[in-house]
Amino acid sequence: MEHAKITPALEDYLKAIYVLAEESQPVIAARVAGEMDVSPSTMFSTLRRLQKEGYVRIEQRKEIHLTGKGKKVAEAILRRHFLTERLLTDILELDWVKAHQEAHRLEHAISSEVEERLAKLLRHPTTCPHGNSIPGQDSPLRRKGMPLDRVPAGGEVMFQCITEAGERDARLLGFLQERRLVPGVAFQVVDVAPSLGIITLKVGKDEFSLGIEAAKKIRVQ
């Protein structure tokens, strides 16, 4: 189904609301505005339009929820984004950072027909390169694991995914790919130092430190 009547900008708002809702925290206008890097006045007018057109509903506590219509649009654009990332990394061999940036530019231009053919070409992947579930097409969303910053010293875990907030952090994406800390890789949390704001990880024989704030954007099992 095409969503010709909705603009790319509004698709981005719906995608942001969808992603924030997955973090299991109340989605309010201030959080969405921060995510989209817009002023409160811009957020207010956009939110009013989304509500008027039936894409979102506002609860009494000012929490924002996608309607079925809004969720459908958000999942469609997110699916196209993730499939494009797969194309760029698996076929064109772009690195994680460039793939995410290019996918954001291309996601709004992909039609349903191209999306279907792209999925077939890629053999219907279930996750993006960063481990996030690709919605739609009978592919159930995986429950995201534990944030890395909550794993105690000595814990042995497996890398599951990077959150969408983490995907927008180009430095973090580049660092993880360089250290080969990717979905499916097992590693150990060697030490946790809250006073220094870092945790020490060991992947194979390679030991290195990662900021705790960055660790919050990584999910493990």
N, C-alpha and C. Protein backbone atom coordinates (compact mmCIF):
# COMPACT_ATOMS: atom_id res chain seq x y z
N MET A 1 0.85 -1.21 0.00
CA MET A 1 0.00 0.00 0.00
C MET A 1 0.87 1.24 0.00
N GLU A 2 0.57 2.21 -0.87
CA GLU A 2 1.34 3.43 -0.94
C GLU A 2 0.78 4.47 0.03
N HIS A 3 1.63 5.32 0.53
CA HIS A 3 1.21 6.38 1.45
C HIS A 3 1.51 7.72 0.79
N ALA A 4 0.87 7.95 -0.39
CA ALA A 4 1.19 9.11 -1.20
C ALA A 4 0.78 10.42 -0.54
N LYS A 5 -0.22 10.38 0.34
CA LYS A 5 -0.75 11.62 0.90
C LYS A 5 0.02 12.12 2.11
N ILE A 6 0.96 11.35 2.59
CA ILE A 6 1.73 11.78 3.75
C ILE A 6 3.13 12.18 3.30
N THR A 7 3.63 13.27 3.85
CA THR A 7 4.94 13.77 3.44
C THR A 7 6.06 13.00 4.12
N PRO A 8 7.26 13.02 3.53
CA PRO A 8 8.42 12.38 4.17
C PRO A 8 8.67 12.91 5.57
N ALA A 9 8.44 14.20 5.78
CA ALA A 9 8.67 14.79 7.11
C ALA A 9 7.73 14.17 8.14
N LEU A 10 6.46 14.00 7.79
CA LEU A 10 5.52 13.40 8.72
C LEU A 10 5.83 11.92 8.94
N GLU A 11 6.31 11.25 7.92
CA GLU A 11 6.74 9.85 8.07
C GLU A 11 7.86 9.76 9.10
N ASP A 12 8.76 10.73 9.07
CA ASP A 12 9.86 10.74 10.04
C ASP A 12 9.35 10.91 11.47
N TYR A 13 8.34 11.75 11.64
CA TYR A 13 7.75 11.94 12.97
C TYR A 13 7.12 10.64 13.46
N LEU A 14 6.38 9.98 12.60
CA LEU A 14 5.72 8.73 12.99
C LEU A 14 6.75 7.65 13.31
N LYS A 15 7.82 7.62 12.54
CA LYS A 15 8.89 6.65 12.80
C LYS A 15 9.55 6.94 14.14
N ALA A 16 9.77 8.22 14.44
CA ALA A 16 10.38 8.60 15.72
C ALA A 16 9.50 8.20 16.89
N ILE A 17 8.19 8.41 16.78
CA ILE A 17 7.26 8.03 17.84
C ILE A 17 7.28 6.51 18.03
N TYR A 18 7.30 5.79 16.94
CA TYR A 18 7.33 4.31 16.97
C TYR A 18 8.58 3.82 17.69
N VAL A 19 9.71 4.38 17.32
CA VAL A 19 10.99 3.96 17.91
C VAL A 19 11.05 4.31 19.39
N LEU A 20 10.61 5.50 19.77
CA LEU A 20 10.61 5.90 21.17
C LEU A 20 9.70 5.01 22.00
N ALA A 21 8.57 4.61 21.44
CA ALA A 21 7.63 3.75 22.16
C ALA A 21 8.26 2.39 22.46
N GLU A 22 9.17 1.93 21.62
CA GLU A 22 9.83 0.64 21.82
C GLU A 22 10.77 0.67 23.02
N GLU A 23 11.14 1.87 23.48
CA GLU A 23 12.05 1.99 24.60
C GLU A 23 11.33 1.87 25.95
N SER A 24 10.03 1.61 25.89
CA SER A 24 9.22 1.36 27.09
C SER A 24 9.16 2.55 28.05
N GLN A 25 9.29 3.76 27.52
CA GLN A 25 9.11 4.97 28.31
C GLN A 25 7.98 5.77 27.69
N PRO A 26 7.26 6.57 28.50
CA PRO A 26 6.17 7.37 27.94
C PRO A 26 6.67 8.28 26.82
N VAL A 27 5.95 8.28 25.71
CA VAL A 27 6.31 9.14 24.59
C VAL A 27 5.54 10.44 24.71
N ILE A 28 6.26 11.51 25.00
CA ILE A 28 5.65 12.83 25.12
C ILE A 28 6.27 13.76 24.09
N ALA A 29 5.63 14.90 23.89
CA ALA A 29 6.05 15.83 22.83
C ALA A 29 7.50 16.25 22.97
N ALA A 30 7.96 16.49 24.20
CA ALA A 30 9.34 16.95 24.41
C ALA A 30 10.36 15.92 23.91
N ARG A 31 10.06 14.64 24.15
CA ARG A 31 10.97 13.57 23.70
C ARG A 31 11.00 13.49 22.17
N VAL A 32 9.84 13.61 21.56
CA VAL A 32 9.78 13.55 20.10
C VAL A 32 10.48 14.76 19.49
N ALA A 33 10.28 15.93 20.10
CA ALA A 33 10.94 17.15 19.61
C ALA A 33 12.45 17.01 19.69
N GLY A 34 12.94 16.42 20.79
CA GLY A 34 14.37 16.20 20.93
C GLY A 34 14.88 15.22 19.91
N GLU A 35 14.10 14.19 19.65
CA GLU A 35 14.48 13.18 18.66
C GLU A 35 14.56 13.79 17.26
N MET A 36 13.62 14.67 16.96
CA MET A 36 13.55 15.27 15.63
C MET A 36 14.36 16.57 15.52
N ASP A 37 14.85 17.06 16.67
CA ASP A 37 15.62 18.30 16.72
C ASP A 37 14.81 19.48 16.17
N VAL A 38 13.59 19.63 16.72
CA VAL A 38 12.72 20.75 16.31
C VAL A 38 12.28 21.52 17.55
N SER A 39 11.77 22.73 17.33
CA SER A 39 11.32 23.57 18.43
C SER A 39 9.97 23.08 18.97
N PRO A 40 9.63 23.45 20.22
CA PRO A 40 8.33 23.06 20.78
C PRO A 40 7.15 23.53 19.93
N SER A 41 7.25 24.72 19.34
CA SER A 41 6.15 25.24 18.52
C SER A 41 5.96 24.40 17.26
N THR A 42 7.08 24.00 16.65
CA THR A 42 7.00 23.14 15.46
C THR A 42 6.42 21.79 15.82
N MET A 43 6.85 21.25 16.96
CA MET A 43 6.35 19.96 17.42
C MET A 43 4.85 20.04 17.68
N PHE A 44 4.40 21.11 18.30
CA PHE A 44 2.99 21.27 18.63
C PHE A 44 2.12 21.28 17.37
N SER A 45 2.53 22.06 16.38
CA SER A 45 1.72 22.16 15.16
C SER A 45 1.72 20.84 14.38
N THR A 46 2.86 20.15 14.37
CA THR A 46 2.94 18.87 13.67
C THR A 46 2.10 17.82 14.38
N LEU A 47 2.17 17.82 15.70
CA LEU A 47 1.40 16.86 16.48
C LEU A 47 -0.10 17.07 16.28
N ARG A 48 -0.50 18.32 16.21
CA ARG A 48 -1.90 18.65 15.98
C ARG A 48 -2.36 18.13 14.62
N ARG A 49 -1.50 18.27 13.62
CA ARG A 49 -1.83 17.77 12.29
C ARG A 49 -1.92 16.25 12.26
N LEU A 50 -0.95 15.59 12.91
CA LEU A 50 -0.96 14.13 12.94
C LEU A 50 -2.20 13.60 13.65
N GLN A 51 -2.61 14.30 14.70
CA GLN A 51 -3.81 13.89 15.43
C GLN A 51 -5.06 14.12 14.58
N LYS A 52 -5.13 15.26 13.91
CA LYS A 52 -6.27 15.59 13.06
C LYS A 52 -6.44 14.59 11.93
N GLU A 53 -5.31 14.12 11.38
CA GLU A 53 -5.36 13.20 10.24
C GLU A 53 -5.44 11.73 10.67
N GLY A 54 -5.52 11.51 11.99
CA GLY A 54 -5.77 10.16 12.48
C GLY A 54 -4.56 9.25 12.61
N TYR A 55 -3.37 9.85 12.68
CA TYR A 55 -2.16 9.04 12.81
C TYR A 55 -1.74 8.81 14.26
N VAL A 56 -2.13 9.73 15.14
CA VAL A 56 -1.78 9.60 16.56
C VAL A 56 -2.98 9.97 17.42
N ARG A 57 -2.92 9.56 18.67
CA ARG A 57 -3.90 10.02 19.66
C ARG A 57 -3.13 10.47 20.90
N ILE A 58 -3.67 11.44 21.60
CA ILE A 58 -3.02 12.01 22.78
C ILE A 58 -3.82 11.62 24.02
N GLU A 59 -3.17 10.96 24.97
CA GLU A 59 -3.85 10.56 26.19
C GLU A 59 -3.91 11.72 27.18
N GLN A 60 -4.61 11.53 28.30
CA GLN A 60 -4.79 12.59 29.29
C GLN A 60 -3.47 13.09 29.86
N ARG A 61 -2.50 12.21 30.01
CA ARG A 61 -1.20 12.61 30.54
C ARG A 61 -0.26 13.14 29.45
N LYS A 62 -0.86 13.47 28.32
CA LYS A 62 -0.12 14.01 27.16
C LYS A 62 0.82 12.98 26.53
N GLU A 63 0.56 11.70 26.81
CA GLU A 63 1.34 10.65 26.17
C GLU A 63 0.83 10.46 24.73
N ILE A 64 1.78 10.27 23.82
CA ILE A 64 1.45 10.13 22.40
C ILE A 64 1.46 8.65 22.02
N HIS A 65 0.39 8.23 21.36
CA HIS A 65 0.30 6.85 20.90
C HIS A 65 -0.05 6.83 19.42
N LEU A 66 0.57 5.94 18.67
CA LEU A 66 0.22 5.78 17.27
C LEU A 66 -1.12 5.05 17.16
N THR A 67 -1.95 5.47 16.24
CA THR A 67 -3.16 4.72 15.93
C THR A 67 -2.75 3.56 15.02
N GLY A 68 -3.69 2.70 14.68
CA GLY A 68 -3.37 1.62 13.74
C GLY A 68 -2.87 2.17 12.43
N LYS A 69 -3.48 3.25 11.98
CA LYS A 69 -3.07 3.92 10.74
C LYS A 69 -1.65 4.46 10.83
N GLY A 70 -1.34 5.09 11.97
CA GLY A 70 0.00 5.66 12.16
C GLY A 70 1.06 4.58 12.28
N LYS A 71 0.72 3.51 12.98
CA LYS A 71 1.67 2.41 13.16
C LYS A 71 1.99 1.76 11.82
N LYS A 72 0.99 1.65 10.96
CA LYS A 72 1.20 1.04 9.65
C LYS A 72 2.19 1.84 8.82
N VAL A 73 2.05 3.17 8.85
CA VAL A 73 2.98 4.04 8.12
C VAL A 73 4.39 3.94 8.71
N ALA A 74 4.48 3.98 10.04
CA ALA A 74 5.79 3.93 10.71
C ALA A 74 6.51 2.63 10.40
N GLU A 75 5.79 1.52 10.46
CA GLU A 75 6.42 0.22 10.20
C GLU A 75 6.83 0.10 8.73
N ALA A 76 6.05 0.69 7.83
CA ALA A 76 6.39 0.63 6.41
C ALA A 76 7.69 1.38 6.14
N ILE A 77 7.82 2.58 6.70
CA ILE A 77 9.03 3.37 6.43
C ILE A 77 10.23 2.76 7.13
N LEU A 78 10.01 2.19 8.33
CA LEU A 78 11.11 1.55 9.04
C LEU A 78 11.57 0.30 8.29
N ARG A 79 10.63 -0.45 7.74
CA ARG A 79 10.96 -1.65 6.97
C ARG A 79 11.81 -1.28 5.75
N ARG A 80 11.43 -0.22 5.07
CA ARG A 80 12.17 0.21 3.88
C ARG A 80 13.57 0.71 4.25
N HIS A 81 13.65 1.36 5.39
CA HIS A 81 14.96 1.82 5.87
C HIS A 81 15.88 0.63 6.14
N PHE A 82 15.36 -0.37 6.86
CA PHE A 82 16.18 -1.53 7.21
C PHE A 82 16.57 -2.36 5.99
N LEU A 83 15.64 -2.53 5.06
CA LEU A 83 15.95 -3.29 3.84
C LEU A 83 17.02 -2.56 3.02
N THR A 84 16.91 -1.24 2.97
CA THR A 84 17.92 -0.46 2.24
C THR A 84 19.28 -0.59 2.89
N GLU A 85 19.33 -0.58 4.22
CA GLU A 85 20.60 -0.78 4.92
C GLU A 85 21.20 -2.13 4.55
N ARG A 86 20.34 -3.16 4.48
CA ARG A 86 20.82 -4.49 4.10
C ARG A 86 21.41 -4.49 2.69
N LEU A 87 20.73 -3.84 1.78
CA LEU A 87 21.23 -3.74 0.41
C LEU A 87 22.60 -3.07 0.38
N LEU A 88 22.71 -1.97 1.10
CA LEU A 88 23.94 -1.18 1.07
C LEU A 88 25.12 -1.88 1.74
N THR A 89 24.84 -2.67 2.78
CA THR A 89 25.94 -3.37 3.46
C THR A 89 26.23 -4.73 2.84
N ASP A 90 25.18 -5.50 2.54
CA ASP A 90 25.37 -6.87 2.06
C ASP A 90 25.76 -6.95 0.59
N ILE A 91 25.21 -6.06 -0.23
CA ILE A 91 25.47 -6.10 -1.67
C ILE A 91 26.51 -5.07 -2.10
N LEU A 92 26.32 -3.83 -1.64
CA LEU A 92 27.24 -2.76 -2.06
C LEU A 92 28.43 -2.60 -1.13
N GLU A 93 28.43 -3.30 0.00
CA GLU A 93 29.55 -3.34 0.94
C GLU A 93 29.92 -1.97 1.52
N LEU A 94 28.91 -1.15 1.78
CA LEU A 94 29.15 0.10 2.49
C LEU A 94 29.32 -0.20 3.97
N ASP A 95 30.03 0.67 4.67
CA ASP A 95 30.17 0.47 6.11
C ASP A 95 28.89 0.88 6.81
N TRP A 96 28.79 0.53 8.10
CA TRP A 96 27.57 0.78 8.86
C TRP A 96 27.15 2.24 8.85
N VAL A 97 28.10 3.14 9.02
CA VAL A 97 27.78 4.57 9.13
C VAL A 97 27.18 5.09 7.82
N LYS A 98 27.86 4.83 6.70
CA LYS A 98 27.37 5.31 5.41
C LYS A 98 26.04 4.66 5.05
N ALA A 99 25.90 3.38 5.38
CA ALA A 99 24.66 2.66 5.06
C ALA A 99 23.47 3.29 5.77
N HIS A 100 23.65 3.62 7.04
CA HIS A 100 22.54 4.22 7.80
C HIS A 100 22.19 5.59 7.23
N GLN A 101 23.19 6.38 6.92
CA GLN A 101 22.95 7.72 6.41
C GLN A 101 22.27 7.69 5.04
N GLU A 102 22.75 6.81 4.16
CA GLU A 102 22.17 6.70 2.83
C GLU A 102 20.75 6.13 2.88
N ALA A 103 20.53 5.17 3.78
CA ALA A 103 19.21 4.57 3.90
C ALA A 103 18.17 5.62 4.31
N HIS A 104 18.58 6.54 5.17
CA HIS A 104 17.65 7.60 5.60
C HIS A 104 17.26 8.48 4.41
N ARG A 105 18.18 8.67 3.48
CA ARG A 105 17.86 9.48 2.31
C ARG A 105 16.97 8.74 1.32
N LEU A 106 17.14 7.43 1.23
CA LEU A 106 16.44 6.64 0.21
C LEU A 106 15.09 6.07 0.65
N GLU A 107 14.89 5.92 1.96
CA GLU A 107 13.72 5.19 2.46
C GLU A 107 12.38 5.76 1.99
N HIS A 108 12.30 7.06 1.79
CA HIS A 108 11.03 7.68 1.41
C HIS A 108 10.73 7.52 -0.08
N ALA A 109 11.73 7.16 -0.87
CA ALA A 109 11.55 7.08 -2.31
C ALA A 109 11.22 5.67 -2.81
N ILE A 110 11.25 4.70 -1.91
CA ILE A 110 11.04 3.31 -2.31
C ILE A 110 9.55 2.98 -2.37
N SER A 111 9.10 2.44 -3.49
CA SER A 111 7.70 2.06 -3.66
C SER A 111 7.47 0.67 -3.10
N SER A 112 6.21 0.28 -2.98
CA SER A 112 5.89 -1.05 -2.48
C SER A 112 6.44 -2.14 -3.39
N GLU A 113 6.38 -1.89 -4.70
CA GLU A 113 6.89 -2.88 -5.66
C GLU A 113 8.39 -3.07 -5.50
N VAL A 114 9.11 -1.95 -5.39
CA VAL A 114 10.56 -2.04 -5.21
C VAL A 114 10.89 -2.70 -3.87
N GLU A 115 10.11 -2.38 -2.84
CA GLU A 115 10.32 -2.99 -1.52
C GLU A 115 10.21 -4.51 -1.59
N GLU A 116 9.18 -4.99 -2.27
CA GLU A 116 8.99 -6.44 -2.40
C GLU A 116 10.14 -7.10 -3.14
N ARG A 117 10.58 -6.49 -4.22
CA ARG A 117 11.68 -7.05 -5.00
C ARG A 117 13.00 -6.99 -4.24
N LEU A 118 13.15 -5.92 -3.46
CA LEU A 118 14.36 -5.78 -2.64
C LEU A 118 14.41 -6.88 -1.59
N ALA A 119 13.28 -7.13 -0.93
CA ALA A 119 13.22 -8.19 0.08
C ALA A 119 13.54 -9.55 -0.54
N LYS A 120 13.01 -9.79 -1.74
CA LYS A 120 13.27 -11.06 -2.43
C LYS A 120 14.74 -11.19 -2.80
N LEU A 121 15.33 -10.10 -3.30
CA LEU A 121 16.75 -10.10 -3.66
C LEU A 121 17.61 -10.43 -2.45
N LEU A 122 17.24 -9.90 -1.29
CA LEU A 122 18.02 -10.09 -0.06
C LEU A 122 17.63 -11.37 0.69
N ARG A 123 16.70 -12.15 0.09
CA ARG A 123 16.23 -13.41 0.68
C ARG A 123 15.50 -13.19 2.00
N HIS A 124 14.70 -12.14 2.02
CA HIS A 124 13.80 -11.84 3.13
C HIS A 124 14.51 -11.84 4.50
N PRO A 125 15.45 -10.91 4.69
CA PRO A 125 16.14 -10.84 5.99
C PRO A 125 15.17 -10.46 7.10
N THR A 126 15.44 -10.90 8.31
CA THR A 126 14.57 -10.60 9.45
C THR A 126 15.10 -9.47 10.32
N THR A 127 16.38 -9.11 10.12
CA THR A 127 16.95 -8.01 10.90
C THR A 127 17.76 -7.09 9.99
N CYS A 128 17.96 -5.86 10.47
CA CYS A 128 18.84 -4.93 9.78
C CYS A 128 20.29 -5.29 10.13
N PRO A 129 21.29 -4.67 9.51
CA PRO A 129 22.69 -5.02 9.82
C PRO A 129 23.05 -4.82 11.29
N HIS A 130 22.29 -3.94 11.98
CA HIS A 130 22.60 -3.65 13.38
C HIS A 130 21.79 -4.50 14.34
N GLY A 131 21.04 -5.47 13.81
CA GLY A 131 20.34 -6.43 14.65
C GLY A 131 18.89 -6.14 14.98
N ASN A 132 18.36 -5.00 14.52
CA ASN A 132 16.96 -4.66 14.80
C ASN A 132 16.01 -5.43 13.88
N SER A 133 14.89 -5.89 14.43
CA SER A 133 13.92 -6.66 13.65
C SER A 133 13.31 -5.80 12.55
N ILE A 134 13.16 -6.39 11.38
CA ILE A 134 12.50 -5.72 10.27
C ILE A 134 11.01 -6.02 10.36
N PRO A 135 10.18 -5.00 10.55
CA PRO A 135 8.73 -5.25 10.70
C PRO A 135 8.07 -5.65 9.39
N GLY A 136 6.94 -6.33 9.53
CA GLY A 136 6.12 -6.67 8.38
C GLY A 136 6.46 -8.00 7.75
N GLN A 137 5.62 -8.37 6.78
CA GLN A 137 5.82 -9.59 6.00
C GLN A 137 5.99 -10.83 6.87
N ASP A 138 5.11 -11.00 7.84
CA ASP A 138 5.12 -12.19 8.70
C ASP A 138 6.41 -12.35 9.49
N SER A 139 7.15 -11.25 9.66
CA SER A 139 8.39 -11.30 10.45
C SER A 139 8.11 -10.68 11.81
N PRO A 140 7.85 -11.49 12.85
CA PRO A 140 7.51 -10.94 14.16
C PRO A 140 8.67 -10.16 14.76
N LEU A 141 8.33 -9.05 15.43
CA LEU A 141 9.37 -8.25 16.06
C LEU A 141 9.95 -9.00 17.26
N ARG A 142 11.26 -9.06 17.31
CA ARG A 142 11.91 -9.71 18.45
C ARG A 142 11.88 -8.77 19.64
N ARG A 143 11.71 -9.33 20.80
CA ARG A 143 11.79 -8.53 22.02
C ARG A 143 13.25 -8.16 22.25
N LYS A 144 13.49 -6.86 22.44
CA LYS A 144 14.87 -6.43 22.62
C LYS A 144 15.40 -6.87 23.98
N GLY A 145 16.68 -7.23 24.00
CA GLY A 145 17.29 -7.75 25.22
C GLY A 145 17.63 -6.67 26.23
N MET A 146 18.55 -7.02 27.10
CA MET A 146 18.95 -6.14 28.20
C MET A 146 19.93 -5.07 27.73
N PRO A 147 19.79 -3.82 28.22
CA PRO A 147 20.78 -2.80 27.90
C PRO A 147 22.15 -3.22 28.45
N LEU A 148 23.18 -3.01 27.68
CA LEU A 148 24.52 -3.44 28.06
C LEU A 148 24.98 -2.81 29.38
N ASP A 149 24.56 -1.59 29.67
CA ASP A 149 25.02 -0.92 30.89
C ASP A 149 24.50 -1.59 32.16
N ARG A 150 23.52 -2.49 32.05
CA ARG A 150 22.99 -3.18 33.22
C ARG A 150 23.67 -4.52 33.50
N VAL A 151 24.56 -4.92 32.64
CA VAL A 151 25.25 -6.20 32.83
C VAL A 151 26.38 -6.01 33.86
N PRO A 152 26.43 -6.83 34.90
CA PRO A 152 27.48 -6.68 35.91
C PRO A 152 28.85 -7.17 35.42
N ALA A 153 29.89 -6.74 36.10
CA ALA A 153 31.25 -7.20 35.77
C ALA A 153 31.31 -8.72 35.85
N GLY A 154 31.97 -9.31 34.87
CA GLY A 154 32.08 -10.76 34.82
C GLY A 154 31.00 -11.41 33.97
N GLY A 155 29.99 -10.65 33.62
CA GLY A 155 28.89 -11.20 32.82
C GLY A 155 29.31 -11.52 31.40
N GLU A 156 28.85 -12.65 30.90
CA GLU A 156 29.11 -13.06 29.52
C GLU A 156 27.80 -12.99 28.75
N VAL A 157 27.79 -12.25 27.67
CA VAL A 157 26.57 -11.99 26.93
C VAL A 157 26.81 -12.09 25.42
N MET A 158 25.72 -11.99 24.66
CA MET A 158 25.82 -11.97 23.20
C MET A 158 25.19 -10.68 22.68
N PHE A 159 25.87 -10.05 21.76
CA PHE A 159 25.39 -8.80 21.17
C PHE A 159 24.12 -9.08 20.37
N GLN A 160 23.04 -8.36 20.71
CA GLN A 160 21.79 -8.54 19.97
C GLN A 160 21.57 -7.43 18.94
N CYS A 161 21.57 -6.17 19.40
CA CYS A 161 21.30 -5.08 18.46
C CYS A 161 21.73 -3.73 19.03
N ILE A 162 21.74 -2.75 18.15
CA ILE A 162 21.96 -1.36 18.52
C ILE A 162 20.60 -0.68 18.40
N THR A 163 20.21 0.11 19.38
CA THR A 163 18.92 0.80 19.29
C THR A 163 18.96 1.82 18.16
N GLU A 164 17.78 2.30 17.77
CA GLU A 164 17.73 3.32 16.73
C GLU A 164 18.49 4.58 17.14
N ALA A 165 18.46 4.92 18.44
CA ALA A 165 19.23 6.07 18.92
C ALA A 165 20.71 5.81 18.71
N GLY A 166 21.13 4.57 18.92
CA GLY A 166 22.53 4.21 18.70
C GLY A 166 22.91 4.26 17.24
N GLU A 167 21.96 3.90 16.37
CA GLU A 167 22.24 3.93 14.93
C GLU A 167 22.51 5.34 14.43
N ARG A 168 21.92 6.32 15.10
CA ARG A 168 22.15 7.71 14.68
C ARG A 168 23.47 8.27 15.20
N ASP A 169 24.15 7.49 16.05
CA ASP A 169 25.44 7.90 16.61
C ASP A 169 26.54 7.35 15.70
N ALA A 170 26.99 8.17 14.75
CA ALA A 170 27.95 7.71 13.76
C ALA A 170 29.26 7.23 14.40
N ARG A 171 29.70 7.91 15.44
CA ARG A 171 30.95 7.51 16.11
C ARG A 171 30.81 6.13 16.75
N LEU A 172 29.65 5.87 17.36
CA LEU A 172 29.42 4.58 17.99
C LEU A 172 29.35 3.47 16.94
N LEU A 173 28.62 3.71 15.85
CA LEU A 173 28.53 2.71 14.79
C LEU A 173 29.91 2.35 14.25
N GLY A 174 30.71 3.38 13.97
CA GLY A 174 32.05 3.14 13.45
C GLY A 174 32.93 2.39 14.43
N PHE A 175 32.82 2.74 15.70
CA PHE A 175 33.62 2.10 16.75
C PHE A 175 33.27 0.62 16.87
N LEU A 176 31.97 0.31 16.90
CA LEU A 176 31.55 -1.08 17.05
C LEU A 176 31.94 -1.93 15.86
N GLN A 177 31.79 -1.38 14.67
CA GLN A 177 32.16 -2.15 13.48
C GLN A 177 33.67 -2.38 13.44
N GLU A 178 34.43 -1.36 13.82
CA GLU A 178 35.89 -1.50 13.84
C GLU A 178 36.32 -2.56 14.85
N ARG A 179 35.64 -2.63 15.99
CA ARG A 179 35.98 -3.61 17.03
C ARG A 179 35.31 -4.97 16.79
N ARG A 180 34.58 -5.07 15.69
CA ARG A 180 33.87 -6.31 15.33
C ARG A 180 32.87 -6.74 16.40
N LEU A 181 32.29 -5.76 17.07
CA LEU A 181 31.25 -6.04 18.05
C LEU A 181 29.92 -5.88 17.32
N VAL A 182 29.46 -6.99 16.75
CA VAL A 182 28.31 -6.99 15.87
C VAL A 182 27.29 -8.03 16.33
N PRO A 183 26.06 -7.98 15.83
CA PRO A 183 25.04 -8.95 16.24
C PRO A 183 25.51 -10.40 16.14
N GLY A 184 25.27 -11.15 17.22
CA GLY A 184 25.64 -12.56 17.24
C GLY A 184 26.97 -12.85 17.88
N VAL A 185 27.76 -11.81 18.15
CA VAL A 185 29.09 -11.99 18.75
C VAL A 185 28.98 -12.08 20.27
N ALA A 186 29.63 -13.09 20.85
CA ALA A 186 29.65 -13.24 22.31
C ALA A 186 30.84 -12.47 22.87
N PHE A 187 30.66 -11.86 24.04
CA PHE A 187 31.75 -11.12 24.67
C PHE A 187 31.54 -11.07 26.17
N GLN A 188 32.54 -10.55 26.88
CA GLN A 188 32.49 -10.48 28.34
C GLN A 188 32.60 -9.05 28.82
N VAL A 189 31.83 -8.73 29.86
CA VAL A 189 31.98 -7.45 30.54
C VAL A 189 33.03 -7.65 31.62
N VAL A 190 34.21 -7.12 31.41
CA VAL A 190 35.33 -7.34 32.32
C VAL A 190 35.20 -6.48 33.58
N ASP A 191 34.83 -5.21 33.39
CA ASP A 191 34.77 -4.30 34.54
C ASP A 191 33.75 -3.20 34.27
N VAL A 192 33.15 -2.70 35.35
CA VAL A 192 32.21 -1.58 35.25
C VAL A 192 32.69 -0.50 36.21
N ALA A 193 32.91 0.71 35.69
CA ALA A 193 33.42 1.81 36.52
C ALA A 193 32.51 3.02 36.39
N PRO A 194 31.41 3.06 37.15
CA PRO A 194 30.47 4.18 37.05
C PRO A 194 31.11 5.54 37.33
N SER A 195 32.08 5.57 38.26
CA SER A 195 32.73 6.84 38.60
C SER A 195 33.51 7.42 37.42
N LEU A 196 33.99 6.53 36.55
CA LEU A 196 34.72 6.96 35.36
C LEU A 196 33.82 7.04 34.13
N GLY A 197 32.61 6.49 34.27
CA GLY A 197 31.67 6.51 33.16
C GLY A 197 32.00 5.54 32.05
N ILE A 198 32.73 4.45 32.38
CA ILE A 198 33.11 3.49 31.34
C ILE A 198 32.92 2.06 31.80
N ILE A 199 32.79 1.16 30.84
CA ILE A 199 32.83 -0.27 31.12
C ILE A 199 33.91 -0.87 30.21
N THR A 200 34.51 -1.94 30.67
CA THR A 200 35.56 -2.60 29.90
C THR A 200 35.03 -3.91 29.35
N LEU A 201 35.21 -4.12 28.06
CA LEU A 201 34.69 -5.30 27.39
C LEU A 201 35.83 -6.13 26.81
N LYS A 202 35.57 -7.42 26.63
CA LYS A 202 36.55 -8.30 26.01
C LYS A 202 35.86 -9.12 24.93
N VAL A 203 36.31 -8.93 23.69
CA VAL A 203 35.80 -9.66 22.55
C VAL A 203 36.94 -10.51 22.02
N GLY A 204 36.85 -11.81 22.25
CA GLY A 204 37.98 -12.68 21.90
C GLY A 204 39.17 -12.31 22.76
N LYS A 205 40.28 -11.94 22.13
CA LYS A 205 41.47 -11.51 22.87
C LYS A 205 41.56 -10.00 22.96
N ASP A 206 40.63 -9.31 22.33
CA ASP A 206 40.66 -7.85 22.28
C ASP A 206 39.90 -7.26 23.46
N GLU A 207 40.57 -6.40 24.25
CA GLU A 207 39.95 -5.77 25.40
C GLU A 207 39.95 -4.26 25.21
N PHE A 208 38.80 -3.61 25.47
CA PHE A 208 38.70 -2.17 25.25
C PHE A 208 37.59 -1.59 26.12
N SER A 209 37.59 -0.26 26.23
CA SER A 209 36.60 0.43 27.05
C SER A 209 35.54 1.10 26.20
N LEU A 210 34.34 1.20 26.78
CA LEU A 210 33.21 1.83 26.11
C LEU A 210 32.49 2.70 27.13
N GLY A 211 32.05 3.88 26.71
CA GLY A 211 31.32 4.76 27.62
C GLY A 211 30.00 4.15 28.05
N ILE A 212 29.62 4.36 29.30
CA ILE A 212 28.37 3.80 29.82
C ILE A 212 27.16 4.37 29.07
N GLU A 213 27.22 5.65 28.68
CA GLU A 213 26.11 6.23 27.93
C GLU A 213 25.96 5.53 26.59
N ALA A 214 27.07 5.17 25.97
CA ALA A 214 27.02 4.43 24.70
C ALA A 214 26.48 3.03 24.94
N ALA A 215 26.86 2.42 26.06
CA ALA A 215 26.41 1.06 26.38
C ALA A 215 24.89 1.00 26.53
N LYS A 216 24.26 2.10 26.90
CA LYS A 216 22.81 2.14 27.05
C LYS A 216 22.09 1.96 25.70
N LYS A 217 22.82 2.20 24.62
CA LYS A 217 22.24 2.09 23.28
C LYS A 217 22.45 0.72 22.65
N ILE A 218 23.00 -0.21 23.44
CA ILE A 218 23.28 -1.56 22.94
C ILE A 218 22.45 -2.56 23.73
N ARG A 219 21.85 -3.51 23.04
CA ARG A 219 21.06 -4.56 23.68
C ARG A 219 21.78 -5.90 23.56
N VAL A 220 21.76 -6.66 24.63
CA VAL A 220 22.45 -7.95 24.67
C VAL A 220 21.52 -9.04 25.20
N GLN A 221 21.92 -10.28 24.99
CA GLN A 221 21.20 -11.43 25.52
C GLN A 221 22.13 -12.26 26.37
